[in-house]
Amino acid sequence: MDPLILKDIYKDCVLCPRECHADRTGGERGYCKSSDELVVARAALHMWEEPCISGEEGSGTVFFSGCALGCVYCQNRNISKGLAGKIITTERLADIFLELQDKGANNINLVTPSHYVPHIIE
């Protein structure tokens, strides 16, 4: 699918179950606290998932900034509230995936990715 068509979804965002209809391309932020820019808070081998996910080398975990869940027990509050992270390009995201693979990641684990699906597909 054409990446430009995918990114049009940000104009009337319904990427998560909240379906907030925010125009994330016009400076408005969705319920997830995100704009149309891709923001990653952390990417690393993560050993603290269930053993079947972490494996021997760790899960190649990418923590995306922002979240639409609003869990009262959130263990990543600064990340989920959109208070942590760096704006990156989709090319950089692809490089991060490959770097995690090169480090021996057993998988690529995307944490709260729903509101960035168009970027991830691109």
PDB file of N, CA and C in Angstrom:
ATOM      1  N   MET A   1       0.839  -1.181   0.000  1.00  0.00           N
ATOM      2  CA  MET A   1       0.000   0.000   0.000  1.00  0.00           C
ATOM      3  C   MET A   1       0.886   1.248   0.000  1.00  0.00           C
ATOM      4  N   ASP A   2       0.449   2.286  -0.667  1.00  0.00           N
ATOM      5  CA  ASP A   2       1.175   3.543  -0.774  1.00  0.00           C
ATOM      6  C   ASP A   2       1.328   4.190   0.608  1.00  0.00           C
ATOM      7  N   PRO A   3       2.576   4.478   1.031  1.00  0.00           N
ATOM      8  CA  PRO A   3       2.792   5.088   2.350  1.00  0.00           C
ATOM      9  C   PRO A   3       2.060   6.407   2.536  1.00  0.00           C
ATOM     10  N   LEU A   4       1.898   7.179   1.457  1.00  0.00           N
ATOM     11  CA  LEU A   4       1.184   8.451   1.581  1.00  0.00           C
ATOM     12  C   LEU A   4      -0.282   8.230   1.916  1.00  0.00           C
ATOM     13  N   ILE A   5      -0.876   7.197   1.342  1.00  0.00           N
ATOM     14  CA  ILE A   5      -2.264   6.864   1.662  1.00  0.00           C
ATOM     15  C   ILE A   5      -2.363   6.416   3.114  1.00  0.00           C
ATOM     16  N   LEU A   6      -1.417   5.607   3.551  1.00  0.00           N
ATOM     17  CA  LEU A   6      -1.418   5.162   4.945  1.00  0.00           C
ATOM     18  C   LEU A   6      -1.333   6.340   5.900  1.00  0.00           C
ATOM     19  N   LYS A   7      -0.459   7.303   5.599  1.00  0.00           N
ATOM     20  CA  LYS A   7      -0.292   8.439   6.498  1.00  0.00           C
ATOM     21  C   LYS A   7      -1.503   9.369   6.499  1.00  0.00           C
ATOM     22  N   ASP A   8      -2.369   9.270   5.483  1.00  0.00           N
ATOM     23  CA  ASP A   8      -3.624  10.029   5.497  1.00  0.00           C
ATOM     24  C   ASP A   8      -4.505   9.614   6.672  1.00  0.00           C
ATOM     25  N   ILE A   9      -4.287   8.411   7.177  1.00  0.00           N
ATOM     26  CA  ILE A   9      -5.048   7.938   8.336  1.00  0.00           C
ATOM     27  C   ILE A   9      -4.841   8.885   9.513  1.00  0.00           C
ATOM     28  N   TYR A  10      -3.672   9.519   9.600  1.00  0.00           N
ATOM     29  CA  TYR A  10      -3.388  10.441  10.698  1.00  0.00           C
ATOM     30  C   TYR A  10      -4.278  11.689  10.666  1.00  0.00           C
ATOM     31  N   LYS A  11      -4.917  11.975   9.535  1.00  0.00           N
ATOM     32  CA  LYS A  11      -5.797  13.146   9.445  1.00  0.00           C
ATOM     33  C   LYS A  11      -7.108  12.953  10.197  1.00  0.00           C
ATOM     34  N   ASP A  12      -7.502  11.713  10.391  1.00  0.00           N
ATOM     35  CA  ASP A  12      -8.739  11.379  11.117  1.00  0.00           C
ATOM     36  C   ASP A  12      -8.471  10.056  11.837  1.00  0.00           C
ATOM     37  N   CYS A  13      -7.669  10.134  12.878  1.00  0.00           N
ATOM     38  CA  CYS A  13      -7.065   8.938  13.463  1.00  0.00           C
ATOM     39  C   CYS A  13      -8.069   8.005  14.144  1.00  0.00           C
ATOM     40  N   VAL A  14      -8.061   6.765  13.665  1.00  0.00           N
ATOM     41  CA  VAL A  14      -8.852   5.680  14.266  1.00  0.00           C
ATOM     42  C   VAL A  14      -7.973   4.430  14.401  1.00  0.00           C
ATOM     43  N   LEU A  15      -6.680   4.642  14.620  1.00  0.00           N
ATOM     44  CA  LEU A  15      -5.729   3.533  14.659  1.00  0.00           C
ATOM     45  C   LEU A  15      -5.863   2.655  15.896  1.00  0.00           C
ATOM     46  N   CYS A  16      -6.417   3.174  16.959  1.00  0.00           N
ATOM     47  CA  CYS A  16      -6.580   2.379  18.179  1.00  0.00           C
ATOM     48  C   CYS A  16      -8.072   2.294  18.523  1.00  0.00           C
ATOM     49  N   PRO A  17      -8.426   1.482  19.487  1.00  0.00           N
ATOM     50  CA  PRO A  17      -9.843   1.342  19.855  1.00  0.00           C
ATOM     51  C   PRO A  17     -10.492   2.629  20.378  1.00  0.00           C
ATOM     52  N   ARG A  18      -9.712   3.637  20.764  1.00  0.00           N
ATOM     53  CA  ARG A  18     -10.281   4.915  21.237  1.00  0.00           C
ATOM     54  C   ARG A  18     -10.934   5.691  20.096  1.00  0.00           C
ATOM     55  N   GLU A  19     -10.459   5.466  18.861  1.00  0.00           N
ATOM     56  CA  GLU A  19     -10.989   6.150  17.674  1.00  0.00           C
ATOM     57  C   GLU A  19     -11.255   7.633  17.951  1.00  0.00           C
ATOM     58  N   CYS A  20     -10.210   8.356  18.343  1.00  0.00           N
ATOM     59  CA  CYS A  20     -10.366   9.752  18.773  1.00  0.00           C
ATOM     60  C   CYS A  20     -10.586  10.734  17.620  1.00  0.00           C
ATOM     61  N   HIS A  21     -10.339  10.325  16.390  1.00  0.00           N
ATOM     62  CA  HIS A  21     -10.529  11.157  15.195  1.00  0.00           C
ATOM     63  C   HIS A  21      -9.678  12.428  15.204  1.00  0.00           C
ATOM     64  N   ALA A  22      -8.576  12.427  15.928  1.00  0.00           N
ATOM     65  CA  ALA A  22      -7.688  13.589  15.947  1.00  0.00           C
ATOM     66  C   ALA A  22      -7.046  13.774  14.579  1.00  0.00           C
ATOM     67  N   ASP A  23      -6.856  15.032  14.187  1.00  0.00           N
ATOM     68  CA  ASP A  23      -6.085  15.336  12.982  1.00  0.00           C
ATOM     69  C   ASP A  23      -4.631  15.484  13.412  1.00  0.00           C
ATOM     70  N   ARG A  24      -3.930  14.381  13.448  1.00  0.00           N
ATOM     71  CA  ARG A  24      -2.552  14.370  13.927  1.00  0.00           C
ATOM     72  C   ARG A  24      -1.601  15.045  12.942  1.00  0.00           C
ATOM     73  N   THR A  25      -2.046  15.321  11.706  1.00  0.00           N
ATOM     74  CA  THR A  25      -1.205  16.024  10.737  1.00  0.00           C
ATOM     75  C   THR A  25      -1.300  17.530  10.921  1.00  0.00           C
ATOM     76  N   GLY A  26      -2.324  17.993  11.615  1.00  0.00           N
ATOM     77  CA  GLY A  26      -2.548  19.426  11.786  1.00  0.00           C
ATOM     78  C   GLY A  26      -2.132  19.953  13.145  1.00  0.00           C
ATOM     79  N   GLY A  27      -1.266  19.228  13.833  1.00  0.00           N
ATOM     80  CA  GLY A  27      -0.790  19.687  15.129  1.00  0.00           C
ATOM     81  C   GLY A  27      -1.596  19.168  16.308  1.00  0.00           C
ATOM     82  N   GLU A  28      -2.731  18.559  16.030  1.00  0.00           N
ATOM     83  CA  GLU A  28      -3.535  17.989  17.111  1.00  0.00           C
ATOM     84  C   GLU A  28      -2.910  16.662  17.544  1.00  0.00           C
ATOM     85  N   ARG A  29      -2.985  16.378  18.816  1.00  0.00           N
ATOM     86  CA  ARG A  29      -2.492  15.101  19.330  1.00  0.00           C
ATOM     87  C   ARG A  29      -3.681  14.221  19.657  1.00  0.00           C
ATOM     88  N   GLY A  30      -3.503  12.930  19.397  1.00  0.00           N
ATOM     89  CA  GLY A  30      -4.564  11.982  19.692  1.00  0.00           C
ATOM     90  C   GLY A  30      -4.647  11.672  21.177  1.00  0.00           C
ATOM     91  N   TYR A  31      -5.584  10.809  21.530  1.00  0.00           N
ATOM     92  CA  TYR A  31      -5.705  10.349  22.910  1.00  0.00           C
ATOM     93  C   TYR A  31      -4.373   9.758  23.377  1.00  0.00           C
ATOM     94  N   CYS A  32      -3.630   9.204  22.440  1.00  0.00           N
ATOM     95  CA  CYS A  32      -2.325   8.583  22.715  1.00  0.00           C
ATOM     96  C   CYS A  32      -1.225   9.605  22.980  1.00  0.00           C
ATOM     97  N   LYS A  33      -1.536  10.886  22.842  1.00  0.00           N
ATOM     98  CA  LYS A  33      -0.578  11.990  23.037  1.00  0.00           C
ATOM     99  C   LYS A  33       0.424  12.109  21.892  1.00  0.00           C
ATOM    100  N   SER A  34       0.119  11.514  20.746  1.00  0.00           N
ATOM    101  CA  SER A  34       1.064  11.495  19.630  1.00  0.00           C
ATOM    102  C   SER A  34       0.602  12.364  18.472  1.00  0.00           C
ATOM    103  N   SER A  35       1.584  12.936  17.781  1.00  0.00           N
ATOM    104  CA  SER A  35       1.321  13.662  16.542  1.00  0.00           C
ATOM    105  C   SER A  35       1.549  12.687  15.389  1.00  0.00           C
ATOM    106  N   ASP A  36       1.809  13.218  14.204  1.00  0.00           N
ATOM    107  CA  ASP A  36       2.085  12.341  13.062  1.00  0.00           C
ATOM    108  C   ASP A  36       3.576  12.036  12.916  1.00  0.00           C
ATOM    109  N   GLU A  37       4.385  12.465  13.878  1.00  0.00           N
ATOM    110  CA  GLU A  37       5.812  12.154  13.848  1.00  0.00           C
ATOM    111  C   GLU A  37       6.069  10.863  14.620  1.00  0.00           C
ATOM    112  N   LEU A  38       6.978  10.063  14.106  1.00  0.00           N
ATOM    113  CA  LEU A  38       7.339   8.789  14.722  1.00  0.00           C
ATOM    114  C   LEU A  38       8.297   9.046  15.887  1.00  0.00           C
ATOM    115  N   VAL A  39       7.902   8.603  17.091  1.00  0.00           N
ATOM    116  CA  VAL A  39       8.713   8.838  18.287  1.00  0.00           C
ATOM    117  C   VAL A  39       8.987   7.506  18.981  1.00  0.00           C
ATOM    118  N   VAL A  40      10.265   7.202  19.146  1.00  0.00           N
ATOM    119  CA  VAL A  40      10.686   5.976  19.828  1.00  0.00           C
ATOM    120  C   VAL A  40      11.399   6.373  21.116  1.00  0.00           C
ATOM    121  N   ALA A  41      10.976   5.759  22.220  1.00  0.00           N
ATOM    122  CA  ALA A  41      11.556   6.074  23.521  1.00  0.00           C
ATOM    123  C   ALA A  41      12.772   5.211  23.840  1.00  0.00           C
ATOM    124  N   ARG A  42      12.757   3.974  23.380  1.00  0.00           N
ATOM    125  CA  ARG A  42      13.874   3.071  23.694  1.00  0.00           C
ATOM    126  C   ARG A  42      13.845   1.891  22.738  1.00  0.00           C
ATOM    127  N   ALA A  43      15.021   1.415  22.393  1.00  0.00           N
ATOM    128  CA  ALA A  43      15.156   0.192  21.598  1.00  0.00           C
ATOM    129  C   ALA A  43      16.368  -0.554  22.124  1.00  0.00           C
ATOM    130  N   ALA A  44      16.150  -1.800  22.547  1.00  0.00           N
ATOM    131  CA  ALA A  44      17.243  -2.570  23.141  1.00  0.00           C
ATOM    132  C   ALA A  44      16.850  -4.030  23.260  1.00  0.00           C
ATOM    133  N   LEU A  45      17.840  -4.863  23.521  1.00  0.00           N
ATOM    134  CA  LEU A  45      17.557  -6.245  23.883  1.00  0.00           C
ATOM    135  C   LEU A  45      16.936  -6.222  25.273  1.00  0.00           C
ATOM    136  N   HIS A  46      15.815  -6.902  25.409  1.00  0.00           N
ATOM    137  CA  HIS A  46      15.035  -6.856  26.651  1.00  0.00           C
ATOM    138  C   HIS A  46      14.916  -8.275  27.197  1.00  0.00           C
ATOM    139  N   MET A  47      15.507  -8.500  28.351  1.00  0.00           N
ATOM    140  CA  MET A  47      15.548  -9.845  28.934  1.00  0.00           C
ATOM    141  C   MET A  47      14.411 -10.126  29.912  1.00  0.00           C
ATOM    142  N   TRP A  48      13.551  -9.147  30.159  1.00  0.00           N
ATOM    143  CA  TRP A  48      12.586  -9.281  31.250  1.00  0.00           C
ATOM    144  C   TRP A  48      11.174  -9.582  30.787  1.00  0.00           C
ATOM    145  N   GLU A  49      11.041 -10.130  29.602  1.00  0.00           N
ATOM    146  CA  GLU A  49       9.762 -10.665  29.149  1.00  0.00           C
ATOM    147  C   GLU A  49       9.698 -12.129  29.583  1.00  0.00           C
ATOM    148  N   GLU A  50       8.587 -12.775  29.300  1.00  0.00           N
ATOM    149  CA  GLU A  50       8.485 -14.204  29.580  1.00  0.00           C
ATOM    150  C   GLU A  50       9.608 -14.921  28.828  1.00  0.00           C
ATOM    151  N   PRO A  51      10.163 -15.997  29.413  1.00  0.00           N
ATOM    152  CA  PRO A  51      11.295 -16.694  28.782  1.00  0.00           C
ATOM    153  C   PRO A  51      11.034 -17.125  27.340  1.00  0.00           C
ATOM    154  N   CYS A  52       9.813 -17.498  27.025  1.00  0.00           N
ATOM    155  CA  CYS A  52       9.538 -17.925  25.649  1.00  0.00           C
ATOM    156  C   CYS A  52       9.624 -16.756  24.665  1.00  0.00           C
ATOM    157  N   ILE A  53       9.520 -15.521  25.162  1.00  0.00           N
ATOM    158  CA  ILE A  53       9.655 -14.342  24.306  1.00  0.00           C
ATOM    159  C   ILE A  53      11.101 -13.847  24.311  1.00  0.00           C
ATOM    160  N   SER A  54      11.695 -13.753  25.487  1.00  0.00           N
ATOM    161  CA  SER A  54      13.071 -13.243  25.608  1.00  0.00           C
ATOM    162  C   SER A  54      14.102 -14.194  25.036  1.00  0.00           C
ATOM    163  N   GLY A  55      13.859 -15.492  25.173  1.00  0.00           N
ATOM    164  CA  GLY A  55      14.829 -16.470  24.695  1.00  0.00           C
ATOM    165  C   GLY A  55      16.166 -16.309  25.388  1.00  0.00           C
ATOM    166  N   GLU A  56      17.213 -16.707  24.726  1.00  0.00           N
ATOM    167  CA  GLU A  56      18.561 -16.649  25.303  1.00  0.00           C
ATOM    168  C   GLU A  56      19.205 -15.264  25.186  1.00  0.00           C
ATOM    169  N   GLU A  57      18.973 -14.591  24.086  1.00  0.00           N
ATOM    170  CA  GLU A  57      19.652 -13.318  23.813  1.00  0.00           C
ATOM    171  C   GLU A  57      18.816 -12.090  24.149  1.00  0.00           C
ATOM    172  N   GLY A  58      17.529 -12.259  24.296  1.00  0.00           N
ATOM    173  CA  GLY A  58      16.651 -11.128  24.584  1.00  0.00           C
ATOM    174  C   GLY A  58      15.731 -10.816  23.424  1.00  0.00           C
ATOM    175  N   SER A  59      14.664 -10.157  23.757  1.00  0.00           N
ATOM    176  CA  SER A  59      13.688  -9.712  22.778  1.00  0.00           C
ATOM    177  C   SER A  59      14.133  -8.351  22.251  1.00  0.00           C
ATOM    178  N   GLY A  60      14.122  -8.168  20.954  1.00  0.00           N
ATOM    179  CA  GLY A  60      14.491  -6.887  20.357  1.00  0.00           C
ATOM    180  C   GLY A  60      13.338  -5.917  20.506  1.00  0.00           C
ATOM    181  N   THR A  61      13.298  -5.240  21.633  1.00  0.00           N
ATOM    182  CA  THR A  61      12.133  -4.453  22.014  1.00  0.00           C
ATOM    183  C   THR A  61      12.267  -2.996  21.609  1.00  0.00           C
ATOM    184  N   VAL A  62      11.219  -2.482  20.954  1.00  0.00           N
ATOM    185  CA  VAL A  62      11.147  -1.082  20.572  1.00  0.00           C
ATOM    186  C   VAL A  62       9.955  -0.484  21.311  1.00  0.00           C
ATOM    187  N   PHE A  63      10.232   0.473  22.203  1.00  0.00           N
ATOM    188  CA  PHE A  63       9.191   1.155  22.968  1.00  0.00           C
ATOM    189  C   PHE A  63       8.809   2.430  22.227  1.00  0.00           C
ATOM    190  N   PHE A  64       7.579   2.471  21.722  1.00  0.00           N
ATOM    191  CA  PHE A  64       7.084   3.663  21.042  1.00  0.00           C
ATOM    192  C   PHE A  64       6.499   4.622  22.071  1.00  0.00           C
ATOM    193  N   SER A  65       6.713   5.905  21.874  1.00  0.00           N
ATOM    194  CA  SER A  65       6.204   6.912  22.794  1.00  0.00           C
ATOM    195  C   SER A  65       4.702   7.095  22.601  1.00  0.00           C
ATOM    196  N   GLY A  66       4.005   7.310  23.708  1.00  0.00           N
ATOM    197  CA  GLY A  66       2.560   7.486  23.672  1.00  0.00           C
ATOM    198  C   GLY A  66       1.835   6.163  23.785  1.00  0.00           C
ATOM    199  N   CYS A  67       0.590   6.233  24.220  1.00  0.00           N
ATOM    200  CA  CYS A  67      -0.214   5.020  24.381  1.00  0.00           C
ATOM    201  C   CYS A  67      -1.674   5.421  24.538  1.00  0.00           C
ATOM    202  N   ALA A  68      -2.563   4.613  24.031  1.00  0.00           N
ATOM    203  CA  ALA A  68      -3.994   4.889  24.128  1.00  0.00           C
ATOM    204  C   ALA A  68      -4.689   4.071  25.206  1.00  0.00           C
ATOM    205  N   LEU A  69      -3.955   3.231  25.919  1.00  0.00           N
ATOM    206  CA  LEU A  69      -4.606   2.345  26.883  1.00  0.00           C
ATOM    207  C   LEU A  69      -4.965   3.031  28.195  1.00  0.00           C
ATOM    208  N   GLY A  70      -4.079   3.828  28.749  1.00  0.00           N
ATOM    209  CA  GLY A  70      -4.359   4.523  30.000  1.00  0.00           C
ATOM    210  C   GLY A  70      -4.447   3.611  31.211  1.00  0.00           C
ATOM    211  N   CYS A  71      -3.650   2.571  31.256  1.00  0.00           N
ATOM    212  CA  CYS A  71      -3.677   1.619  32.375  1.00  0.00           C
ATOM    213  C   CYS A  71      -3.214   2.293  33.667  1.00  0.00           C
ATOM    214  N   VAL A  72      -3.950   2.093  34.747  1.00  0.00           N
ATOM    215  CA  VAL A  72      -3.570   2.684  36.030  1.00  0.00           C
ATOM    216  C   VAL A  72      -2.309   2.037  36.593  1.00  0.00           C
ATOM    217  N   TYR A  73      -1.995   0.844  36.162  1.00  0.00           N
ATOM    218  CA  TYR A  73      -0.828   0.119  36.660  1.00  0.00           C
ATOM    219  C   TYR A  73       0.355   0.191  35.692  1.00  0.00           C
ATOM    220  N   CYS A  74       0.371   1.143  34.793  1.00  0.00           N
ATOM    221  CA  CYS A  74       1.407   1.229  33.758  1.00  0.00           C
ATOM    222  C   CYS A  74       2.804   1.280  34.368  1.00  0.00           C
ATOM    223  N   GLN A  75       3.684   0.429  33.870  1.00  0.00           N
ATOM    224  CA  GLN A  75       5.065   0.408  34.359  1.00  0.00           C
ATOM    225  C   GLN A  75       5.991   1.297  33.535  1.00  0.00           C
ATOM    226  N   ASN A  76       5.465   1.885  32.469  1.00  0.00           N
ATOM    227  CA  ASN A  76       6.262   2.755  31.596  1.00  0.00           C
ATOM    228  C   ASN A  76       5.578   4.114  31.450  1.00  0.00           C
ATOM    229  N   ARG A  77       5.167   4.717  32.551  1.00  0.00           N
ATOM    230  CA  ARG A  77       4.339   5.921  32.525  1.00  0.00           C
ATOM    231  C   ARG A  77       4.946   7.060  31.702  1.00  0.00           C
ATOM    232  N   ASN A  78       6.232   7.353  31.870  1.00  0.00           N
ATOM    233  CA  ASN A  78       6.843   8.447  31.104  1.00  0.00           C
ATOM    234  C   ASN A  78       6.776   8.193  29.606  1.00  0.00           C
ATOM    235  N   ILE A  79       6.947   6.956  29.213  1.00  0.00           N
ATOM    236  CA  ILE A  79       6.868   6.599  27.797  1.00  0.00           C
ATOM    237  C   ILE A  79       5.423   6.659  27.323  1.00  0.00           C
ATOM    238  N   SER A  80       4.505   6.060  28.071  1.00  0.00           N
ATOM    239  CA  SER A  80       3.110   5.986  27.629  1.00  0.00           C
ATOM    240  C   SER A  80       2.433   7.350  27.601  1.00  0.00           C
ATOM    241  N   LYS A  81       2.879   8.277  28.423  1.00  0.00           N
ATOM    242  CA  LYS A  81       2.310   9.628  28.433  1.00  0.00           C
ATOM    243  C   LYS A  81       2.966  10.529  27.394  1.00  0.00           C
ATOM    244  N   GLY A  82       3.876   9.960  26.608  1.00  0.00           N
ATOM    245  CA  GLY A  82       4.532  10.729  25.556  1.00  0.00           C
ATOM    246  C   GLY A  82       5.596  11.680  26.070  1.00  0.00           C
ATOM    247  N   LEU A  83       6.115  11.416  27.272  1.00  0.00           N
ATOM    248  CA  LEU A  83       7.101  12.306  27.884  1.00  0.00           C
ATOM    249  C   LEU A  83       8.540  11.905  27.592  1.00  0.00           C
ATOM    250  N   ALA A  84       8.724  10.797  26.911  1.00  0.00           N
ATOM    251  CA  ALA A  84      10.075  10.318  26.614  1.00  0.00           C
ATOM    252  C   ALA A  84      10.145   9.907  25.151  1.00  0.00           C
ATOM    253  N   GLY A  85      11.303  10.087  24.568  1.00  0.00           N
ATOM    254  CA  GLY A  85      11.488   9.612  23.205  1.00  0.00           C
ATOM    255  C   GLY A  85      12.144  10.616  22.292  1.00  0.00           C
ATOM    256  N   LYS A  86      12.459  10.118  21.117  1.00  0.00           N
ATOM    257  CA  LYS A  86      13.141  10.907  20.100  1.00  0.00           C
ATOM    258  C   LYS A  86      12.413  10.711  18.776  1.00  0.00           C
ATOM    259  N   ILE A  87      12.215  11.798  18.053  1.00  0.00           N
ATOM    260  CA  ILE A  87      11.615  11.720  16.721  1.00  0.00           C
ATOM    261  C   ILE A  87      12.632  11.073  15.784  1.00  0.00           C
ATOM    262  N   ILE A  88      12.171  10.043  15.066  1.00  0.00           N
ATOM    263  CA  ILE A  88      13.049   9.359  14.110  1.00  0.00           C
ATOM    264  C   ILE A  88      12.317   9.187  12.779  1.00  0.00           C
ATOM    265  N   THR A  89      13.055   8.838  11.757  1.00  0.00           N
ATOM    266  CA  THR A  89      12.480   8.559  10.441  1.00  0.00           C
ATOM    267  C   THR A  89      12.129   7.075  10.339  1.00  0.00           C
ATOM    268  N   THR A  90      11.349   6.739   9.335  1.00  0.00           N
ATOM    269  CA  THR A  90      11.041   5.326   9.109  1.00  0.00           C
ATOM    270  C   THR A  90      12.301   4.564   8.689  1.00  0.00           C
ATOM    271  N   GLU A  91      13.215   5.243   8.005  1.00  0.00           N
ATOM    272  CA  GLU A  91      14.477   4.614   7.631  1.00  0.00           C
ATOM    273  C   GLU A  91      15.282   4.257   8.879  1.00  0.00           C
ATOM    274  N   ARG A  92      15.285   5.158   9.852  1.00  0.00           N
ATOM    275  CA  ARG A  92      15.999   4.884  11.106  1.00  0.00           C
ATOM    276  C   ARG A  92      15.336   3.730  11.850  1.00  0.00           C
ATOM    277  N   LEU A  93      14.004   3.666  11.825  1.00  0.00           N
ATOM    278  CA  LEU A  93      13.299   2.559  12.474  1.00  0.00           C
ATOM    279  C   LEU A  93      13.713   1.229  11.845  1.00  0.00           C
ATOM    280  N   ALA A  94      13.791   1.187  10.525  1.00  0.00           N
ATOM    281  CA  ALA A  94      14.230  -0.038   9.845  1.00  0.00           C
ATOM    282  C   ALA A  94      15.653  -0.405  10.263  1.00  0.00           C
ATOM    283  N   ASP A  95      16.517   0.597  10.374  1.00  0.00           N
ATOM    284  CA  ASP A  95      17.892   0.346  10.833  1.00  0.00           C
ATOM    285  C   ASP A  95      17.909  -0.210  12.255  1.00  0.00           C
ATOM    286  N   ILE A  96      17.046   0.316  13.116  1.00  0.00           N
ATOM    287  CA  ILE A  96      16.959  -0.176  14.498  1.00  0.00           C
ATOM    288  C   ILE A  96      16.576  -1.648  14.506  1.00  0.00           C
ATOM    289  N   PHE A  97      15.598  -2.018  13.687  1.00  0.00           N
ATOM    290  CA  PHE A  97      15.199  -3.431  13.604  1.00  0.00           C
ATOM    291  C   PHE A  97      16.395  -4.309  13.218  1.00  0.00           C
ATOM    292  N   LEU A  98      17.153  -3.868  12.220  1.00  0.00           N
ATOM    293  CA  LEU A  98      18.315  -4.640  11.757  1.00  0.00           C
ATOM    294  C   LEU A  98      19.427  -4.679  12.807  1.00  0.00           C
ATOM    295  N   GLU A  99      19.623  -3.572  13.517  1.00  0.00           N
ATOM    296  CA  GLU A  99      20.628  -3.542  14.587  1.00  0.00           C
ATOM    297  C   GLU A  99      20.268  -4.528  15.696  1.00  0.00           C
ATOM    298  N   LEU A 100      18.992  -4.585  16.055  1.00  0.00           N
ATOM    299  CA  LEU A 100      18.550  -5.534  17.081  1.00  0.00           C
ATOM    300  C   LEU A 100      18.768  -6.973  16.607  1.00  0.00           C
ATOM    301  N   GLN A 101      18.479  -7.211  15.328  1.00  0.00           N
ATOM    302  CA  GLN A 101      18.725  -8.540  14.754  1.00  0.00           C
ATOM    303  C   GLN A 101      20.217  -8.876  14.833  1.00  0.00           C
ATOM    304  N   ASP A 102      21.066  -7.921  14.472  1.00  0.00           N
ATOM    305  CA  ASP A 102      22.517  -8.141  14.512  1.00  0.00           C
ATOM    306  C   ASP A 102      23.027  -8.419  15.926  1.00  0.00           C
ATOM    307  N   LYS A 103      22.343  -7.886  16.931  1.00  0.00           N
ATOM    308  CA  LYS A 103      22.725  -8.116  18.329  1.00  0.00           C
ATOM    309  C   LYS A 103      22.241  -9.467  18.844  1.00  0.00           C
ATOM    310  N   GLY A 104      21.496 -10.200  17.999  1.00  0.00           N
ATOM    311  CA  GLY A 104      21.041 -11.531  18.384  1.00  0.00           C
ATOM    312  C   GLY A 104      19.628 -11.605  18.912  1.00  0.00           C
ATOM    313  N   ALA A 105      18.832 -10.564  18.700  1.00  0.00           N
ATOM    314  CA  ALA A 105      17.451 -10.572  19.185  1.00  0.00           C
ATOM    315  C   ALA A 105      16.710 -11.799  18.661  1.00  0.00           C
ATOM    316  N   ASN A 106      15.954 -12.427  19.539  1.00  0.00           N
ATOM    317  CA  ASN A 106      15.150 -13.587  19.152  1.00  0.00           C
ATOM    318  C   ASN A 106      13.908 -13.180  18.370  1.00  0.00           C
ATOM    319  N   ASN A 107      13.518 -11.922  18.479  1.00  0.00           N
ATOM    320  CA  ASN A 107      12.337 -11.402  17.795  1.00  0.00           C
ATOM    321  C   ASN A 107      12.394  -9.881  17.828  1.00  0.00           C
ATOM    322  N   ILE A 108      11.455  -9.266  17.161  1.00  0.00           N
ATOM    323  CA  ILE A 108      11.263  -7.822  17.269  1.00  0.00           C
ATOM    324  C   ILE A 108       9.933  -7.634  17.996  1.00  0.00           C
ATOM    325  N   ASN A 109       9.996  -6.980  19.142  1.00  0.00           N
ATOM    326  CA  ASN A 109       8.850  -6.800  20.025  1.00  0.00           C
ATOM    327  C   ASN A 109       8.482  -5.321  20.023  1.00  0.00           C
ATOM    328  N   LEU A 110       7.350  -4.978  19.428  1.00  0.00           N
ATOM    329  CA  LEU A 110       6.914  -3.590  19.338  1.00  0.00           C
ATOM    330  C   LEU A 110       5.972  -3.299  20.500  1.00  0.00           C
ATOM    331  N   VAL A 111       6.353  -2.348  21.352  1.00  0.00           N
ATOM    332  CA  VAL A 111       5.563  -2.011  22.536  1.00  0.00           C
ATOM    333  C   VAL A 111       4.759  -0.746  22.250  1.00  0.00           C
ATOM    334  N   THR A 112       3.453  -0.846  22.381  1.00  0.00           N
ATOM    335  CA  THR A 112       2.452   0.190  22.059  1.00  0.00           C
ATOM    336  C   THR A 112       2.666   0.779  20.660  1.00  0.00           C
ATOM    337  N   PRO A 113       2.560  -0.061  19.625  1.00  0.00           N
ATOM    338  CA  PRO A 113       2.805   0.406  18.270  1.00  0.00           C
ATOM    339  C   PRO A 113       1.562   0.876  17.502  1.00  0.00           C
ATOM    340  N   SER A 114       0.371   0.612  17.994  1.00  0.00           N
ATOM    341  CA  SER A 114      -0.853   0.807  17.196  1.00  0.00           C
ATOM    342  C   SER A 114      -0.962   2.186  16.567  1.00  0.00           C
ATOM    343  N   HIS A 115      -0.632   3.225  17.302  1.00  0.00           N
ATOM    344  CA  HIS A 115      -0.796   4.593  16.803  1.00  0.00           C
ATOM    345  C   HIS A 115       0.305   5.006  15.825  1.00  0.00           C
ATOM    346  N   TYR A 116       1.225   4.081  15.521  1.00  0.00           N
ATOM    347  CA  TYR A 116       2.274   4.328  14.531  1.00  0.00           C
ATOM    348  C   TYR A 116       2.258   3.317  13.388  1.00  0.00           C
ATOM    349  N   VAL A 117       1.190   2.589  13.218  1.00  0.00           N
ATOM    350  CA  VAL A 117       1.120   1.540  12.194  1.00  0.00           C
ATOM    351  C   VAL A 117       1.505   2.044  10.799  1.00  0.00           C
ATOM    352  N   PRO A 118       1.030   3.208  10.339  1.00  0.00           N
ATOM    353  CA  PRO A 118       1.453   3.650   9.000  1.00  0.00           C
ATOM    354  C   PRO A 118       2.970   3.791   8.861  1.00  0.00           C
ATOM    355  N   HIS A 119       3.631   4.319   9.882  1.00  0.00           N
ATOM    356  CA  HIS A 119       5.094   4.425   9.839  1.00  0.00           C
ATOM    357  C   HIS A 119       5.744   3.042   9.816  1.00  0.00           C
ATOM    358  N   ILE A 120       5.242   2.139  10.629  1.00  0.00           N
ATOM    359  CA  ILE A 120       5.829   0.798  10.725  1.00  0.00           C
ATOM    360  C   ILE A 120       5.693   0.051   9.403  1.00  0.00           C
ATOM    361  N   ILE A 121       4.543   0.157   8.765  1.00  0.00           N
ATOM    362  CA  ILE A 121       4.328  -0.504   7.473  1.00  0.00           C
ATOM    363  C   ILE A 121       5.254   0.076   6.411  1.00  0.00           C
ATOM    364  N   GLU A 122       5.433   1.380   6.446  1.00  0.00           N
ATOM    365  CA  GLU A 122       6.307   2.032   5.466  1.00  0.00           C
ATOM    366  C   GLU A 122       7.708   1.466   5.557  1.00  0.00           C
TER     367      GLU A 122
END
